[in-house]
N, C-alpha and C. Protein backbone atom coordinates (compact mmCIF):
# COMPACT_ATOMS: atom_id res chain seq x y z
N MET A 1 -16.32 5.61 -21.39
CA MET A 1 -16.04 6.97 -21.18
C MET A 1 -17.39 7.69 -20.75
N CYS A 2 -17.10 8.78 -20.07
CA CYS A 2 -18.20 9.59 -19.73
C CYS A 2 -17.87 11.08 -19.69
N THR A 3 -18.84 11.95 -19.90
CA THR A 3 -18.55 13.33 -19.94
C THR A 3 -19.16 14.00 -18.66
N VAL A 4 -18.40 14.93 -18.00
CA VAL A 4 -18.89 15.53 -16.83
C VAL A 4 -18.68 17.10 -17.21
N SER A 5 -19.33 17.82 -16.40
CA SER A 5 -19.35 19.06 -16.34
C SER A 5 -19.05 19.68 -15.04
N ILE A 6 -18.04 20.64 -15.08
CA ILE A 6 -17.69 21.21 -13.67
C ILE A 6 -17.42 22.72 -13.82
N ASN A 7 -17.58 23.43 -12.73
CA ASN A 7 -17.46 24.85 -12.74
C ASN A 7 -15.99 25.25 -12.28
N ILE A 8 -15.32 25.96 -12.88
CA ILE A 8 -13.88 26.21 -12.60
C ILE A 8 -13.78 27.90 -12.73
N ASP A 9 -13.01 28.33 -11.64
CA ASP A 9 -12.73 29.80 -11.49
C ASP A 9 -11.54 30.11 -12.44
N GLU A 10 -11.75 30.68 -13.63
CA GLU A 10 -10.86 31.00 -14.68
C GLU A 10 -9.69 31.80 -14.11
N ALA A 11 -9.85 32.79 -13.17
CA ALA A 11 -8.74 33.43 -12.59
C ALA A 11 -7.87 32.67 -11.86
N THR A 12 -8.47 31.66 -11.20
CA THR A 12 -7.48 30.81 -10.29
C THR A 12 -6.73 29.89 -11.25
N MET A 13 -7.36 29.47 -12.40
CA MET A 13 -6.72 28.62 -13.31
C MET A 13 -5.54 29.35 -13.93
N ARG A 14 -5.64 30.67 -14.29
CA ARG A 14 -4.70 31.45 -14.79
C ARG A 14 -3.45 31.69 -13.78
N GLN A 15 -3.87 31.55 -12.48
CA GLN A 15 -2.88 31.82 -11.43
C GLN A 15 -1.88 30.45 -11.49
N ILE A 16 -2.62 29.40 -11.73
CA ILE A 16 -1.87 28.17 -11.66
C ILE A 16 -1.02 28.09 -12.88
N ASN A 17 -1.62 28.44 -14.14
CA ASN A 17 -0.80 28.34 -15.25
C ASN A 17 -1.24 29.45 -16.19
N PRO A 18 -0.57 30.55 -16.36
CA PRO A 18 -0.85 31.70 -17.27
C PRO A 18 -1.31 31.34 -18.73
N ASN A 19 -0.99 30.25 -19.28
CA ASN A 19 -1.25 29.69 -20.41
C ASN A 19 -2.77 29.25 -20.65
N LEU A 20 -3.33 29.02 -19.48
CA LEU A 20 -4.80 28.71 -19.55
C LEU A 20 -5.56 29.81 -19.75
N THR A 21 -5.80 30.30 -20.96
CA THR A 21 -6.58 31.53 -21.24
C THR A 21 -7.90 31.32 -21.93
N SER A 22 -8.15 29.97 -22.41
CA SER A 22 -9.33 29.97 -23.06
C SER A 22 -10.05 28.46 -22.41
N ARG A 23 -11.31 28.26 -22.54
CA ARG A 23 -11.98 27.10 -22.08
C ARG A 23 -11.46 25.95 -22.72
N GLU A 24 -11.02 26.02 -24.03
CA GLU A 24 -10.49 24.82 -24.58
C GLU A 24 -9.07 24.48 -23.85
N SER A 25 -8.19 25.47 -23.74
CA SER A 25 -6.92 25.08 -23.02
C SER A 25 -7.07 24.66 -21.53
N ILE A 26 -8.11 25.14 -20.95
CA ILE A 26 -8.37 24.68 -19.52
C ILE A 26 -8.89 23.29 -19.70
N GLY A 27 -9.86 23.14 -20.48
CA GLY A 27 -10.45 21.80 -20.66
C GLY A 27 -9.40 20.57 -20.87
N HIS A 28 -8.37 21.01 -21.86
CA HIS A 28 -7.28 20.12 -22.20
C HIS A 28 -6.37 19.75 -21.02
N TRP A 29 -6.05 20.79 -20.18
CA TRP A 29 -5.15 20.81 -19.03
C TRP A 29 -5.89 19.98 -18.00
N LEU A 30 -7.20 20.15 -17.84
CA LEU A 30 -8.00 19.43 -16.72
C LEU A 30 -8.10 18.01 -17.14
N GLN A 31 -8.29 17.64 -18.47
CA GLN A 31 -8.30 16.34 -19.00
C GLN A 31 -7.09 15.58 -18.64
N HIS A 32 -5.91 16.26 -18.97
CA HIS A 32 -4.56 15.68 -18.57
C HIS A 32 -4.41 15.38 -17.20
N GLN A 33 -4.85 16.45 -16.30
CA GLN A 33 -4.70 16.26 -14.93
C GLN A 33 -5.44 14.99 -14.45
N VAL A 34 -6.73 14.90 -14.82
CA VAL A 34 -7.53 13.84 -14.58
C VAL A 34 -6.97 12.33 -14.94
N ASP A 35 -6.48 12.36 -16.24
CA ASP A 35 -5.91 11.25 -16.68
C ASP A 35 -4.73 10.76 -15.85
N LEU A 36 -3.90 11.74 -15.51
CA LEU A 36 -2.65 11.44 -14.59
C LEU A 36 -3.18 10.82 -13.35
N MET A 37 -4.26 11.55 -12.83
CA MET A 37 -4.73 11.08 -11.39
C MET A 37 -5.28 9.63 -11.56
N LEU A 38 -5.92 9.31 -12.52
CA LEU A 38 -6.59 8.00 -12.69
C LEU A 38 -5.52 6.98 -12.92
N GLU A 39 -4.48 7.27 -13.80
CA GLU A 39 -3.42 6.33 -13.92
C GLU A 39 -2.64 6.03 -12.51
N GLU A 40 -2.40 7.10 -11.60
CA GLU A 40 -1.86 6.82 -10.41
C GLU A 40 -2.58 6.03 -9.42
N MET A 41 -4.07 6.40 -9.58
CA MET A 41 -4.79 5.54 -8.69
C MET A 41 -4.84 4.04 -9.10
N VAL A 42 -4.77 3.68 -10.40
CA VAL A 42 -4.92 2.39 -10.96
C VAL A 42 -3.59 1.70 -10.50
N ALA A 43 -2.36 2.48 -10.68
CA ALA A 43 -1.13 2.01 -10.35
C ALA A 43 -1.11 1.62 -8.72
N ASP A 44 -1.67 2.68 -7.97
CA ASP A 44 -1.66 2.36 -6.58
C ASP A 44 -2.49 1.12 -6.10
N ASP A 45 -3.51 0.98 -6.85
CA ASP A 45 -4.47 -0.13 -6.56
C ASP A 45 -3.84 -1.43 -6.84
N ALA A 46 -3.17 -1.52 -8.06
CA ALA A 46 -2.44 -2.76 -8.50
C ALA A 46 -1.33 -3.17 -7.48
N GLU A 47 -0.70 -2.16 -6.76
CA GLU A 47 0.39 -2.30 -5.83
C GLU A 47 -0.10 -2.88 -4.56
N THR A 48 -1.35 -2.68 -4.17
CA THR A 48 -1.81 -3.06 -2.84
C THR A 48 -2.36 -4.48 -2.83
N MET A 49 -2.44 -5.08 -1.83
CA MET A 49 -3.00 -6.34 -1.63
C MET A 49 -4.01 -6.26 -0.45
N ASP A 50 -5.01 -7.20 -0.53
CA ASP A 50 -5.99 -7.17 0.41
C ASP A 50 -5.40 -7.80 1.66
N ALA A 51 -6.05 -7.68 2.81
CA ALA A 51 -5.76 -8.26 4.22
C ALA A 51 -5.49 -9.71 4.04
N GLU A 52 -6.23 -10.51 3.51
CA GLU A 52 -6.02 -11.98 3.28
C GLU A 52 -4.75 -12.43 2.63
N GLU A 53 -4.56 -11.61 1.42
CA GLU A 53 -3.36 -11.88 0.82
C GLU A 53 -2.13 -11.66 1.66
N LEU A 54 -1.99 -10.50 2.25
CA LEU A 54 -1.02 -10.08 3.31
C LEU A 54 -0.87 -11.13 4.36
N HIS A 55 -1.92 -11.73 4.97
CA HIS A 55 -1.99 -12.70 6.09
C HIS A 55 -1.25 -13.86 5.47
N VAL A 56 -1.68 -14.45 4.35
CA VAL A 56 -1.08 -15.55 3.73
C VAL A 56 0.53 -15.37 3.55
N MET A 57 0.68 -14.26 2.99
CA MET A 57 2.20 -13.91 2.77
C MET A 57 2.97 -13.95 4.04
N LEU A 58 2.48 -13.20 4.95
CA LEU A 58 3.28 -13.17 6.29
C LEU A 58 3.22 -14.53 6.95
N HIS A 59 2.30 -15.28 6.87
CA HIS A 59 2.25 -16.63 7.52
C HIS A 59 3.31 -17.52 6.85
N LYS A 60 3.31 -17.50 5.58
CA LYS A 60 4.33 -18.33 4.83
C LYS A 60 5.76 -17.75 5.03
N THR A 61 6.03 -16.65 5.22
CA THR A 61 7.41 -16.06 5.28
C THR A 61 7.68 -16.29 6.81
N ALA A 62 7.01 -15.99 7.63
CA ALA A 62 7.13 -16.36 9.16
C ALA A 62 7.54 -17.86 9.28
N GLY A 63 6.71 -18.71 8.72
CA GLY A 63 7.01 -20.03 8.84
C GLY A 63 8.35 -20.61 8.25
N LYS A 64 8.81 -19.97 7.21
CA LYS A 64 10.09 -20.42 6.49
C LYS A 64 11.22 -19.76 7.32
N GLU A 65 11.09 -18.39 7.75
CA GLU A 65 12.19 -17.71 8.36
C GLU A 65 12.47 -18.25 9.77
N TYR A 66 11.47 -18.52 10.51
CA TYR A 66 11.48 -18.70 12.00
C TYR A 66 11.51 -20.28 12.36
N ALA A 67 10.99 -21.21 11.44
CA ALA A 67 10.78 -22.47 11.94
C ALA A 67 12.04 -23.25 11.96
N CYS A 68 12.97 -22.93 11.36
CA CYS A 68 14.22 -23.84 11.23
C CYS A 68 14.90 -23.60 12.51
N GLY A 69 15.17 -24.72 13.22
CA GLY A 69 15.95 -24.90 14.38
C GLY A 69 15.37 -24.20 15.71
N ARG A 70 14.08 -23.88 15.65
CA ARG A 70 13.53 -23.37 16.82
C ARG A 70 12.86 -24.31 17.52
N THR A 71 12.51 -23.87 18.76
CA THR A 71 11.68 -25.03 19.53
C THR A 71 10.50 -25.48 19.08
N GLU A 72 9.98 -26.68 19.49
CA GLU A 72 8.67 -27.12 18.86
C GLU A 72 7.57 -26.24 19.20
N SER A 73 7.63 -25.67 20.40
CA SER A 73 6.36 -24.77 20.68
C SER A 73 6.30 -23.54 19.88
N ARG A 74 7.43 -22.97 19.45
CA ARG A 74 7.40 -21.74 18.66
C ARG A 74 6.98 -22.23 17.06
N GLN A 75 7.63 -23.45 16.70
CA GLN A 75 7.20 -23.99 15.46
C GLN A 75 5.67 -24.20 15.39
N HIS A 76 4.98 -24.59 16.51
CA HIS A 76 3.59 -24.85 16.62
C HIS A 76 2.80 -23.61 16.44
N LEU A 77 3.42 -22.57 17.15
CA LEU A 77 2.70 -21.13 16.98
C LEU A 77 2.73 -20.67 15.62
N LEU A 78 3.69 -20.96 14.97
CA LEU A 78 3.77 -20.44 13.50
C LEU A 78 2.83 -21.24 12.54
N GLU A 79 2.43 -22.46 13.04
CA GLU A 79 1.39 -23.19 12.03
C GLU A 79 0.10 -22.79 12.18
N ARG A 80 -0.23 -21.97 13.25
CA ARG A 80 -1.66 -21.42 13.30
C ARG A 80 -1.74 -20.05 12.83
N ASP A 81 -2.94 -19.60 12.61
CA ASP A 81 -3.21 -18.18 12.35
C ASP A 81 -2.85 -17.28 13.59
N MET A 82 -2.35 -16.18 13.20
CA MET A 82 -2.03 -15.26 14.48
C MET A 82 -2.23 -13.82 13.89
N THR A 83 -2.46 -12.97 14.81
CA THR A 83 -2.71 -11.50 14.63
C THR A 83 -1.24 -10.89 14.34
N PRO A 84 -1.10 -9.77 13.81
CA PRO A 84 0.08 -9.10 13.65
C PRO A 84 0.65 -8.75 15.04
N GLU A 85 -0.08 -8.76 16.12
CA GLU A 85 0.55 -8.52 17.49
C GLU A 85 1.26 -9.88 17.89
N HIS A 86 0.53 -10.98 17.72
CA HIS A 86 1.21 -12.18 18.01
C HIS A 86 2.45 -12.30 17.33
N LEU A 87 2.50 -12.13 16.03
CA LEU A 87 3.71 -12.29 15.29
C LEU A 87 4.72 -11.36 15.80
N TYR A 88 4.53 -10.25 16.08
CA TYR A 88 5.35 -9.20 16.60
C TYR A 88 6.01 -9.88 17.92
N SER A 89 5.12 -10.29 18.73
CA SER A 89 5.60 -10.78 19.98
C SER A 89 6.46 -11.93 19.88
N LEU A 90 6.13 -12.86 18.87
CA LEU A 90 7.03 -13.99 18.65
C LEU A 90 8.42 -13.63 17.95
N ILE A 91 8.28 -12.55 17.21
CA ILE A 91 9.62 -12.05 16.63
C ILE A 91 10.46 -11.52 17.75
N ALA A 92 9.73 -10.79 18.57
CA ALA A 92 10.57 -10.15 19.75
C ALA A 92 11.18 -11.16 20.67
N GLU A 93 10.47 -12.35 20.87
CA GLU A 93 10.98 -13.35 21.62
C GLU A 93 12.22 -13.98 20.89
N GLU A 94 12.13 -14.27 19.73
CA GLU A 94 13.28 -14.62 18.84
C GLU A 94 14.41 -13.70 18.93
N ILE A 95 14.26 -12.41 18.86
CA ILE A 95 15.44 -11.48 19.02
C ILE A 95 15.97 -11.47 20.42
N ASP A 96 15.11 -11.57 21.27
CA ASP A 96 15.67 -11.76 22.68
C ASP A 96 16.47 -12.94 22.96
N ASP A 97 15.91 -13.98 22.32
CA ASP A 97 16.62 -15.35 22.41
C ASP A 97 18.14 -15.33 21.69
N ILE A 98 18.01 -14.68 20.60
CA ILE A 98 19.36 -14.43 19.77
C ILE A 98 20.31 -13.76 20.57
N TYR A 99 19.87 -12.62 21.14
CA TYR A 99 20.95 -11.93 21.99
C TYR A 99 21.30 -12.43 23.23
N ALA A 100 20.30 -13.18 23.92
CA ALA A 100 20.62 -13.89 25.21
C ALA A 100 21.49 -15.15 24.83
N ASN A 101 21.35 -16.01 23.89
CA ASN A 101 21.92 -17.17 23.55
C ASN A 101 22.97 -17.06 22.47
N GLY A 102 23.04 -15.98 21.67
CA GLY A 102 23.99 -16.01 20.57
C GLY A 102 23.44 -16.60 19.47
């Protein structure tokens, strides 16, 4: 834990919440707001994944979803690393193939 000092316009604080009439009430309110913000930031961080994790997940998913019954050249494409643009292109080809050949 650390302690910080900030300057607050008390009139503005009272506009936000008329009950914020003392330094103590403002301090408690601000502490609560900061705690909420930190909890949200931690939750958001826990829900995100780095680019490498996303790449691995996309690669596995694409391999499972599109390898079955596809031509060998497309299967080979799925076995190598690809950019999101390449993956999008491959999916677009698959969609075109589905509509063209049923």
